[in-house]
Structure formats: C-alpha cells, structure tokens
Amino acid sequence: KEAQILCFQCGANSIFYGDELLTTSNPSFQDDRKLL
C-alpha cells in the first residue's frame, strides 16, 4: 500500500481496476476503493 501511495505521489494517475488483468490477478476493487 505504501509503495502504491508513493507512485501516486510522484505521478501515477491511472490504475487497472478489478480482480483480474487478462490472465493475472489484481487487487480487488474494494481494496482499491479503500486505498484511494
């Protein structure tokens, strides 16, 4: 979570959102919602 926050701080302004990216896993949208 801390690393993602630092990425947002220095310029990341978009994420893929949802439990899966094509064939690999991704943080759940609930976790992302809380993080943001």
All heavy atoms as atom14 arrays in JSON, in Angstrom:
{
  "sequence": "KEAQILCFQCGANSIFYGDELLTTSNPSFQDDRKLL",
  "atom14_mask": [
    [1, 1, 1, 1, 1, 1, 1, 1, 1, 0, 0, 0, 0, 0],
    [1, 1, 1, 1, 1, 1, 1, 1, 1, 0, 0, 0, 0, 0],
    [1, 1, 1, 1, 1, 0, 0, 0, 0, 0, 0, 0, 0, 0],
    [1, 1, 1, 1, 1, 1, 1, 1, 1, 0, 0, 0, 0, 0],
    [1, 1, 1, 1, 1, 1, 1, 1, 0, 0, 0, 0, 0, 0],
    [1, 1, 1, 1, 1, 1, 1, 1, 0, 0, 0, 0, 0, 0],
    [1, 1, 1, 1, 1, 1, 0, 0, 0, 0, 0, 0, 0, 0],
    [1, 1, 1, 1, 1, 1, 1, 1, 1, 1, 1, 0, 0, 0],
    [1, 1, 1, 1, 1, 1, 1, 1, 1, 0, 0, 0, 0, 0],
    [1, 1, 1, 1, 1, 1, 0, 0, 0, 0, 0, 0, 0, 0],
    [1, 1, 1, 1, 0, 0, 0, 0, 0, 0, 0, 0, 0, 0],
    [1, 1, 1, 1, 1, 0, 0, 0, 0, 0, 0, 0, 0, 0],
    [1, 1, 1, 1, 1, 1, 1, 1, 0, 0, 0, 0, 0, 0],
    [1, 1, 1, 1, 1, 1, 0, 0, 0, 0, 0, 0, 0, 0],
    [1, 1, 1, 1, 1, 1, 1, 1, 0, 0, 0, 0, 0, 0],
    [1, 1, 1, 1, 1, 1, 1, 1, 1, 1, 1, 0, 0, 0],
    [1, 1, 1, 1, 1, 1, 1, 1, 1, 1, 1, 1, 0, 0],
    [1, 1, 1, 1, 0, 0, 0, 0, 0, 0, 0, 0, 0, 0],
    [1, 1, 1, 1, 1, 1, 1, 1, 0, 0, 0, 0, 0, 0],
    [1, 1, 1, 1, 1, 1, 1, 1, 1, 0, 0, 0, 0, 0],
    [1, 1, 1, 1, 1, 1, 1, 1, 0, 0, 0, 0, 0, 0],
    [1, 1, 1, 1, 1, 1, 1, 1, 0, 0, 0, 0, 0, 0],
    [1, 1, 1, 1, 1, 1, 1, 0, 0, 0, 0, 0, 0, 0],
    [1, 1, 1, 1, 1, 1, 1, 0, 0, 0, 0, 0, 0, 0],
    [1, 1, 1, 1, 1, 1, 0, 0, 0, 0, 0, 0, 0, 0],
    [1, 1, 1, 1, 1, 1, 1, 1, 0, 0, 0, 0, 0, 0],
    [1, 1, 1, 1, 1, 1, 1, 0, 0, 0, 0, 0, 0, 0],
    [1, 1, 1, 1, 1, 1, 0, 0, 0, 0, 0, 0, 0, 0],
    [1, 1, 1, 1, 1, 1, 1, 1, 1, 1, 1, 0, 0, 0],
    [1, 1, 1, 1, 1, 1, 1, 1, 1, 0, 0, 0, 0, 0],
    [1, 1, 1, 1, 1, 1, 1, 1, 0, 0, 0, 0, 0, 0],
    [1, 1, 1, 1, 1, 1, 1, 1, 0, 0, 0, 0, 0, 0],
    [1, 1, 1, 1, 1, 1, 1, 1, 1, 1, 1, 0, 0, 0],
    [1, 1, 1, 1, 1, 1, 1, 1, 1, 0, 0, 0, 0, 0],
    [1, 1, 1, 1, 1, 1, 1, 1, 0, 0, 0, 0, 0, 0],
    [1, 1, 1, 1, 1, 1, 1, 1, 0, 0, 0, 0, 0, 0]
  ],
  "atom14_positions": [
    [[0.83, -1.2, 0.0], [0.0, 0.0, 0.0], [0.87, 1.25, 0.0], [0.59, 2.22, -0.72], [-0.92, -0.01, 1.22], [-1.8, 1.22, 1.36], [-2.76, 1.09, 2.52], [-2.04, 1.1, 3.85], [-2.99, 1.11, 5.0], [0.0, 0.0, 0.0], [0.0, 0.0, 0.0], [0.0, 0.0, 0.0], [0.0, 0.0, 0.0], [0.0, 0.0, 0.0]],
    [[1.94, 1.23, 0.79], [2.81, 2.39, 0.89], [3.52, 2.68, -0.43], [3.67, 3.84, -0.83], [3.84, 2.19, 2.01], [3.25, 2.17, 3.41], [2.58, 0.84, 3.77], [2.75, -0.15, 3.02], [1.88, 0.8, 4.8], [0.0, 0.0, 0.0], [0.0, 0.0, 0.0], [0.0, 0.0, 0.0], [0.0, 0.0, 0.0], [0.0, 0.0, 0.0]],
    [[3.95, 1.61, -1.13], [4.62, 1.8, -2.41], [3.66, 2.39, -3.44], [4.04, 3.26, -4.24], [5.19, 0.48, -2.92], [0.0, 0.0, 0.0], [0.0, 0.0, 0.0], [0.0, 0.0, 0.0], [0.0, 0.0, 0.0], [0.0, 0.0, 0.0], [0.0, 0.0, 0.0], [0.0, 0.0, 0.0], [0.0, 0.0, 0.0], [0.0, 0.0, 0.0]],
    [[2.43, 1.94, -3.44], [1.44, 2.49, -4.36], [1.18, 3.97, -4.07], [1.05, 4.78, -4.99], [0.14, 1.7, -4.28], [0.24, 0.29, -4.82], [-1.1, -0.42, -4.82], [-2.02, -0.05, -5.55], [-1.23, -1.46, -4.01], [0.0, 0.0, 0.0], [0.0, 0.0, 0.0], [0.0, 0.0, 0.0], [0.0, 0.0, 0.0], [0.0, 0.0, 0.0]],
    [[1.12, 4.31, -2.8], [0.9, 5.72, -2.43], [2.04, 6.59, -2.95], [1.81, 7.69, -3.47], [0.76, 5.85, -0.9], [-0.56, 5.22, -0.44], [0.81, 7.31, -0.47], [-0.71, 5.1, 1.05], [0.0, 0.0, 0.0], [0.0, 0.0, 0.0], [0.0, 0.0, 0.0], [0.0, 0.0, 0.0], [0.0, 0.0, 0.0], [0.0, 0.0, 0.0]],
    [[3.27, 6.09, -2.85], [4.4, 6.85, -3.36], [4.33, 6.99, -4.88], [4.7, 8.04, -5.43], [5.72, 6.19, -2.94], [6.06, 6.25, -1.45], [7.34, 5.49, -1.16], [6.18, 7.69, -0.97], [0.0, 0.0, 0.0], [0.0, 0.0, 0.0], [0.0, 0.0, 0.0], [0.0, 0.0, 0.0], [0.0, 0.0, 0.0], [0.0, 0.0, 0.0]],
    [[3.83, 5.97, -5.55], [3.66, 6.07, -7.0], [2.63, 7.14, -7.34], [2.82, 7.92, -8.28], [3.23, 4.72, -7.58], [4.53, 3.47, -7.64], [0.0, 0.0, 0.0], [0.0, 0.0, 0.0], [0.0, 0.0, 0.0], [0.0, 0.0, 0.0], [0.0, 0.0, 0.0], [0.0, 0.0, 0.0], [0.0, 0.0, 0.0], [0.0, 0.0, 0.0]],
    [[1.52, 7.19, -6.6], [0.52, 8.24, -6.82], [1.13, 9.61, -6.55], [0.87, 10.57, -7.28], [-0.69, 8.03, -5.91], [-1.49, 6.8, -6.2], [-1.97, 6.01, -5.17], [-1.76, 6.43, -7.51], [-2.72, 4.87, -5.44], [-2.5, 5.29, -7.79], [-2.98, 4.5, -6.74], [0.0, 0.0, 0.0], [0.0, 0.0, 0.0], [0.0, 0.0, 0.0]],
    [[1.93, 9.71, -5.51], [2.53, 10.99, -5.15], [3.42, 11.53, -6.26], [3.43, 12.74, -6.52], [3.34, 10.84, -3.86], [4.0, 12.13, -3.4], [4.82, 11.93, -2.13], [4.76, 10.88, -1.51], [5.57, 12.95, -1.75], [0.0, 0.0, 0.0], [0.0, 0.0, 0.0], [0.0, 0.0, 0.0], [0.0, 0.0, 0.0], [0.0, 0.0, 0.0]],
    [[4.15, 10.64, -6.93], [5.1, 11.13, -7.94], [4.58, 10.99, -9.36], [5.36, 11.08, -10.3], [6.46, 10.49, -7.76], [6.52, 8.7, -7.86], [0.0, 0.0, 0.0], [0.0, 0.0, 0.0], [0.0, 0.0, 0.0], [0.0, 0.0, 0.0], [0.0, 0.0, 0.0], [0.0, 0.0, 0.0], [0.0, 0.0, 0.0], [0.0, 0.0, 0.0]],
    [[3.25, 10.8, -9.52], [2.73, 10.98, -10.87], [1.81, 9.94, -11.44], [1.19, 10.17, -12.48], [0.0, 0.0, 0.0], [0.0, 0.0, 0.0], [0.0, 0.0, 0.0], [0.0, 0.0, 0.0], [0.0, 0.0, 0.0], [0.0, 0.0, 0.0], [0.0, 0.0, 0.0], [0.0, 0.0, 0.0], [0.0, 0.0, 0.0], [0.0, 0.0, 0.0]],
    [[1.68, 8.76, -10.83], [0.73, 7.78, -11.36], [-0.68, 8.32, -11.18], [-1.07, 8.7, -10.08], [0.89, 6.44, -10.63], [0.0, 0.0, 0.0], [0.0, 0.0, 0.0], [0.0, 0.0, 0.0], [0.0, 0.0, 0.0], [0.0, 0.0, 0.0], [0.0, 0.0, 0.0], [0.0, 0.0, 0.0], [0.0, 0.0, 0.0], [0.0, 0.0, 0.0]],
    [[-1.45, 8.35, -12.25], [-2.81, 8.87, -12.15], [-3.83, 8.01, -12.88], [-4.88, 8.47, -13.33], [-2.91, 10.32, -12.61], [-2.42, 10.53, -14.04], [-1.85, 9.63, -14.66], [-2.65, 11.71, -14.56], [0.0, 0.0, 0.0], [0.0, 0.0, 0.0], [0.0, 0.0, 0.0], [0.0, 0.0, 0.0], [0.0, 0.0, 0.0], [0.0, 0.0, 0.0]],
    [[-3.52, 6.71, -12.98], [-4.48, 5.76, -13.52], [-4.08, 4.37, -13.03], [-2.9, 4.07, -12.87], [-4.5, 5.8, -15.05], [-5.46, 4.89, -15.56], [0.0, 0.0, 0.0], [0.0, 0.0, 0.0], [0.0, 0.0, 0.0], [0.0, 0.0, 0.0], [0.0, 0.0, 0.0], [0.0, 0.0, 0.0], [0.0, 0.0, 0.0], [0.0, 0.0, 0.0]],
    [[-5.09, 3.53, -12.78], [-4.82, 2.14, -12.41], [-5.79, 1.24, -13.15], [-6.88, 1.66, -13.54], [-4.97, 1.89, -10.89], [-6.39, 2.24, -10.41], [-3.91, 2.64, -10.1], [-6.67, 1.84, -8.97], [0.0, 0.0, 0.0], [0.0, 0.0, 0.0], [0.0, 0.0, 0.0], [0.0, 0.0, 0.0], [0.0, 0.0, 0.0], [0.0, 0.0, 0.0]],
    [[-5.36, -0.01, -13.37], [-6.31, -1.02, -13.79], [-7.04, -1.49, -12.55], [-6.43, -1.78, -11.52], [-5.62, -2.18, -14.51], [-5.39, -1.91, -15.96], [-4.11, -1.98, -16.5], [-6.44, -1.6, -16.8], [-3.9, -1.74, -17.85], [-6.25, -1.36, -18.15], [-4.97, -1.43, -18.67], [0.0, 0.0, 0.0], [0.0, 0.0, 0.0], [0.0, 0.0, 0.0]],
    [[-8.34, -1.58, -12.68], [-9.24, -1.69, -11.54], [-10.1, -2.92, -11.72], [-10.79, -3.07, -12.72], [-10.08, -0.41, -11.53], [-11.1, -0.25, -10.45], [-10.73, -0.01, -9.13], [-12.46, -0.25, -10.76], [-11.68, 0.2, -8.16], [-13.42, -0.04, -9.8], [-13.03, 0.19, -8.48], [-13.97, 0.41, -7.52], [0.0, 0.0, 0.0], [0.0, 0.0, 0.0]],
    [[-10.04, -3.84, -10.78], [-10.8, -5.08, -10.88], [-9.93, -6.25, -10.47], [-8.73, -6.13, -10.31], [0.0, 0.0, 0.0], [0.0, 0.0, 0.0], [0.0, 0.0, 0.0], [0.0, 0.0, 0.0], [0.0, 0.0, 0.0], [0.0, 0.0, 0.0], [0.0, 0.0, 0.0], [0.0, 0.0, 0.0], [0.0, 0.0, 0.0], [0.0, 0.0, 0.0]],
    [[-10.54, -7.41, -10.31], [-9.85, -8.54, -9.72], [-8.88, -9.25, -10.65], [-8.1, -10.08, -10.2], [-10.88, -9.57, -9.21], [-11.77, -9.0, -8.12], [-11.42, -7.93, -7.59], [-12.79, -9.62, -7.81], [0.0, 0.0, 0.0], [0.0, 0.0, 0.0], [0.0, 0.0, 0.0], [0.0, 0.0, 0.0], [0.0, 0.0, 0.0], [0.0, 0.0, 0.0]],
    [[-8.92, -8.95, -11.96], [-8.09, -9.69, -12.89], [-7.66, -8.81, -14.05], [-8.42, -7.97, -14.52], [-8.86, -10.91, -13.42], [-8.03, -11.86, -14.26], [-8.81, -13.12, -14.63], [-8.92, -14.02, -13.79], [-9.3, -13.18, -15.78], [0.0, 0.0, 0.0], [0.0, 0.0, 0.0], [0.0, 0.0, 0.0], [0.0, 0.0, 0.0], [0.0, 0.0, 0.0]],
    [[-6.4, -9.02, -14.51], [-5.88, -8.34, -15.7], [-5.59, -9.4, -16.75], [-4.56, -10.07, -16.68], [-4.6, -7.57, -15.38], [-4.68, -6.47, -14.32], [-3.32, -5.82, -14.17], [-5.72, -5.44, -14.72], [0.0, 0.0, 0.0], [0.0, 0.0, 0.0], [0.0, 0.0, 0.0], [0.0, 0.0, 0.0], [0.0, 0.0, 0.0], [0.0, 0.0, 0.0]],
    [[-6.49, -9.55, -17.69], [-6.37, -10.59, -18.71], [-6.18, -11.95, -18.06], [-7.13, -12.67, -17.83], [-5.22, -10.26, -19.69], [-5.43, -9.0, -20.53], [-4.26, -8.78, -21.49], [-6.74, -9.02, -21.31], [0.0, 0.0, 0.0], [0.0, 0.0, 0.0], [0.0, 0.0, 0.0], [0.0, 0.0, 0.0], [0.0, 0.0, 0.0], [0.0, 0.0, 0.0]],
    [[-4.94, -12.35, -17.71], [-4.71, -13.67, -17.13], [-3.94, -13.61, -15.82], [-3.51, -14.64, -15.32], [-3.92, -14.56, -18.13], [-2.68, -13.94, -18.44], [-4.72, -14.78, -19.39], [0.0, 0.0, 0.0], [0.0, 0.0, 0.0], [0.0, 0.0, 0.0], [0.0, 0.0, 0.0], [0.0, 0.0, 0.0], [0.0, 0.0, 0.0], [0.0, 0.0, 0.0]],
    [[-3.75, -12.44, -15.26], [-3.07, -12.32, -13.98], [-3.98, -11.63, -12.98], [-4.89, -10.88, -13.35], [-1.75, -11.53, -14.1], [-2.03, -10.22, -14.58], [-0.79, -12.23, -15.05], [0.0, 0.0, 0.0], [0.0, 0.0, 0.0], [0.0, 0.0, 0.0], [0.0, 0.0, 0.0], [0.0, 0.0, 0.0], [0.0, 0.0, 0.0], [0.0, 0.0, 0.0]],
    [[-3.72, -11.87, -11.69], [-4.58, -11.31, -10.66], [-4.26, -9.85, -10.41], [-3.22, -9.34, -10.81], [-4.43, -12.11, -9.36], [-3.08, -12.08, -8.92], [0.0, 0.0, 0.0], [0.0, 0.0, 0.0], [0.0, 0.0, 0.0], [0.0, 0.0, 0.0], [0.0, 0.0, 0.0], [0.0, 0.0, 0.0], [0.0, 0.0, 0.0], [0.0, 0.0, 0.0]],
    [[-5.17, -9.17, -9.74], [-5.07, -7.74, -9.47], [-5.76, -7.48, -8.14], [-6.62, -8.26, -7.72], [-5.8, -6.97, -10.6], [-5.41, -5.52, -10.68], [-4.24, -5.18, -10.65], [-6.4, -4.65, -10.81], [0.0, 0.0, 0.0], [0.0, 0.0, 0.0], [0.0, 0.0, 0.0], [0.0, 0.0, 0.0], [0.0, 0.0, 0.0], [0.0, 0.0, 0.0]],
    [[-5.41, -6.41, -7.43], [-6.11, -6.11, -6.18], [-7.62, -5.97, -6.42], [-8.06, -5.53, -7.48], [-5.5, -4.77, -5.75], [-4.15, -4.76, -6.36], [-4.31, -5.46, -7.68], [0.0, 0.0, 0.0], [0.0, 0.0, 0.0], [0.0, 0.0, 0.0], [0.0, 0.0, 0.0], [0.0, 0.0, 0.0], [0.0, 0.0, 0.0], [0.0, 0.0, 0.0]],
    [[-8.41, -6.35, -5.43], [-9.86, -6.26, -5.58], [-10.3, -4.8, -5.65], [-9.61, -3.91, -5.14], [-10.57, -6.94, -4.4], [-10.41, -6.16, -3.22], [0.0, 0.0, 0.0], [0.0, 0.0, 0.0], [0.0, 0.0, 0.0], [0.0, 0.0, 0.0], [0.0, 0.0, 0.0], [0.0, 0.0, 0.0], [0.0, 0.0, 0.0], [0.0, 0.0, 0.0]],
    [[-11.45, -4.57, -6.28], [-11.91, -3.19, -6.4], [-12.27, -2.62, -5.02], [-12.14, -1.42, -4.79], [-13.08, -3.07, -7.38], [-14.39, -3.62, -6.9], [-15.27, -2.84, -6.17], [-14.76, -4.92, -7.21], [-16.49, -3.35, -5.75], [-15.97, -5.43, -6.79], [-16.84, -4.65, -6.05], [0.0, 0.0, 0.0], [0.0, 0.0, 0.0], [0.0, 0.0, 0.0]],
    [[-12.67, -3.49, -4.06], [-12.94, -2.99, -2.72], [-11.66, -2.48, -2.05], [-11.65, -1.42, -1.41], [-13.56, -4.1, -1.85], [-14.93, -4.54, -2.32], [-14.86, -5.81, -3.14], [-13.87, -6.08, -3.81], [-15.92, -6.6, -3.08], [0.0, 0.0, 0.0], [0.0, 0.0, 0.0], [0.0, 0.0, 0.0], [0.0, 0.0, 0.0], [0.0, 0.0, 0.0]],
    [[-10.56, -3.24, -2.21], [-9.28, -2.81, -1.63], [-8.8, -1.51, -2.27], [-8.3, -0.61, -1.59], [-8.22, -3.9, -1.82], [-8.46, -5.11, -0.92], [-9.21, -4.98, 0.06], [-7.88, -6.17, -1.21], [0.0, 0.0, 0.0], [0.0, 0.0, 0.0], [0.0, 0.0, 0.0], [0.0, 0.0, 0.0], [0.0, 0.0, 0.0], [0.0, 0.0, 0.0]],
    [[-8.97, -1.41, -3.59], [-8.55, -0.19, -4.28], [-9.38, 1.0, -3.84], [-8.88, 2.11, -3.66], [-8.67, -0.37, -5.8], [-7.51, -1.14, -6.38], [-6.43, -1.16, -5.76], [-7.68, -1.72, -7.47], [0.0, 0.0, 0.0], [0.0, 0.0, 0.0], [0.0, 0.0, 0.0], [0.0, 0.0, 0.0], [0.0, 0.0, 0.0], [0.0, 0.0, 0.0]],
    [[-10.67, 0.77, -3.67], [-11.55, 1.85, -3.25], [-11.11, 2.4, -1.88], [-11.04, 3.61, -1.66], [-12.98, 1.33, -3.19], [-14.03, 2.41, -3.17], [-15.42, 1.86, -3.49], [-15.8, 0.78, -2.6], [-16.14, -0.44, -3.05], [-16.09, -0.71, -4.33], [-16.51, -1.37, -2.21], [0.0, 0.0, 0.0], [0.0, 0.0, 0.0], [0.0, 0.0, 0.0]],
    [[-10.79, 1.49, -0.97], [-10.34, 1.91, 0.36], [-9.0, 2.63, 0.29], [-8.79, 3.66, 0.95], [-10.23, 0.71, 1.29], [-9.88, 1.08, 2.73], [-9.87, -0.13, 3.62], [-9.66, 0.27, 5.09], [-8.46, 1.09, 5.3], [0.0, 0.0, 0.0], [0.0, 0.0, 0.0], [0.0, 0.0, 0.0], [0.0, 0.0, 0.0], [0.0, 0.0, 0.0]],
    [[-8.08, 2.09, -0.54], [-6.76, 2.72, -0.67], [-6.87, 4.15, -1.18], [-6.27, 5.08, -0.63], [-5.88, 1.89, -1.62], [-4.53, 2.5, -2.0], [-3.65, 2.67, -0.77], [-3.82, 1.65, -3.04], [0.0, 0.0, 0.0], [0.0, 0.0, 0.0], [0.0, 0.0, 0.0], [0.0, 0.0, 0.0], [0.0, 0.0, 0.0], [0.0, 0.0, 0.0]],
    [[-7.67, 4.36, -2.23], [-7.79, 5.69, -2.8], [-8.48, 6.66, -1.84], [-8.16, 7.85, -1.81], [-8.54, 5.62, -4.13], [-7.81, 4.87, -5.25], [-8.67, 4.77, -6.5], [-6.48, 5.51, -5.58], [0.0, 0.0, 0.0], [0.0, 0.0, 0.0], [0.0, 0.0, 0.0], [0.0, 0.0, 0.0], [0.0, 0.0, 0.0], [0.0, 0.0, 0.0]]
  ]
}
